[in-house]
Protein backbone atom coordinates (compact mmCIF):
# COMPACT_ATOMS: atom_id res chain seq x y z
CA MET A 1 -59.53 -52.93 106.94
CA ARG A 2 -60.35 -50.62 104.37
CA THR A 3 -56.77 -48.77 103.30
CA SER A 4 -56.34 -44.59 101.91
CA THR A 5 -57.11 -44.77 98.41
CA GLY A 6 -55.23 -41.33 98.24
CA PRO A 7 -51.70 -42.44 97.53
CA ARG A 8 -52.95 -44.66 94.26
CA ARG A 9 -55.47 -41.86 92.84
CA ARG A 10 -52.22 -39.50 93.38
CA GLU A 11 -50.60 -41.97 91.67
CA LEU A 12 -52.95 -42.31 88.50
CA LEU A 13 -53.15 -38.44 88.68
CA GLN A 14 -49.68 -38.47 87.64
CA ALA A 15 -50.09 -40.58 85.40
CA LEU A 16 -52.83 -39.38 83.23
CA GLY A 17 -50.66 -35.85 83.22
CA ILE A 18 -47.95 -37.36 81.79
CA PHE A 19 -49.68 -38.98 78.63
CA GLN A 20 -51.66 -35.65 78.76
CA ARG A 21 -48.67 -34.05 77.72
CA ALA A 22 -46.91 -36.60 76.07
CA THR A 23 -45.87 -35.84 72.57
CA PRO A 24 -46.94 -39.03 69.82
CA ASP A 25 -43.62 -40.27 69.64
CA GLN A 26 -43.22 -39.93 73.45
CA LEU A 27 -46.39 -42.26 73.66
CA TRP A 28 -45.13 -44.19 71.01
CA LYS A 29 -42.33 -45.23 73.22
CA LEU A 30 -44.16 -45.21 76.26
CA THR A 31 -46.60 -47.76 74.65
CA ARG A 32 -44.31 -49.59 72.44
CA PRO A 33 -40.72 -49.71 73.14
CA ASP A 34 -39.69 -52.27 71.67
CA ASN A 35 -41.04 -51.39 67.77
CA ARG A 36 -39.25 -49.26 65.36
CA HIS A 37 -41.49 -46.39 63.68
CA ASP A 38 -42.81 -47.27 60.03
CA LYS A 39 -43.51 -44.91 57.42
CA LEU A 40 -47.52 -45.26 58.09
CA THR A 41 -47.39 -44.60 61.77
CA ARG A 42 -44.38 -42.15 61.34
CA ASP A 43 -47.32 -40.33 58.85
CA ASN A 44 -49.88 -40.28 61.17
CA LEU A 45 -48.57 -39.02 64.45
CA LEU A 46 -47.15 -35.84 62.07
CA VAL A 47 -50.84 -35.45 60.80
CA TRP A 48 -51.63 -36.09 64.73
CA ARG A 49 -49.21 -33.37 65.94
CA THR A 50 -50.32 -30.77 63.31
CA THR A 51 -53.88 -30.93 64.00
CA SER A 52 -53.84 -31.37 68.28
CA TRP A 53 -51.53 -28.36 68.97
C-alpha cells in the first residue's frame, strides 16, 4: 500500500524555508544548540552576514 507524500513534502518545504530565511546566528543555534560562539566563529558569521545579503 502506498501512502501520500504530500504531508511529508510540505514539512520538508517548510523546513527548507526556515533555513533559507534564518540569520547566521539563528542557524548556529538551530544546528549547534549546546555550543557557544568562539571568536573565529563569530567573525565568520559576521563576514557571511555582510556578504550574503
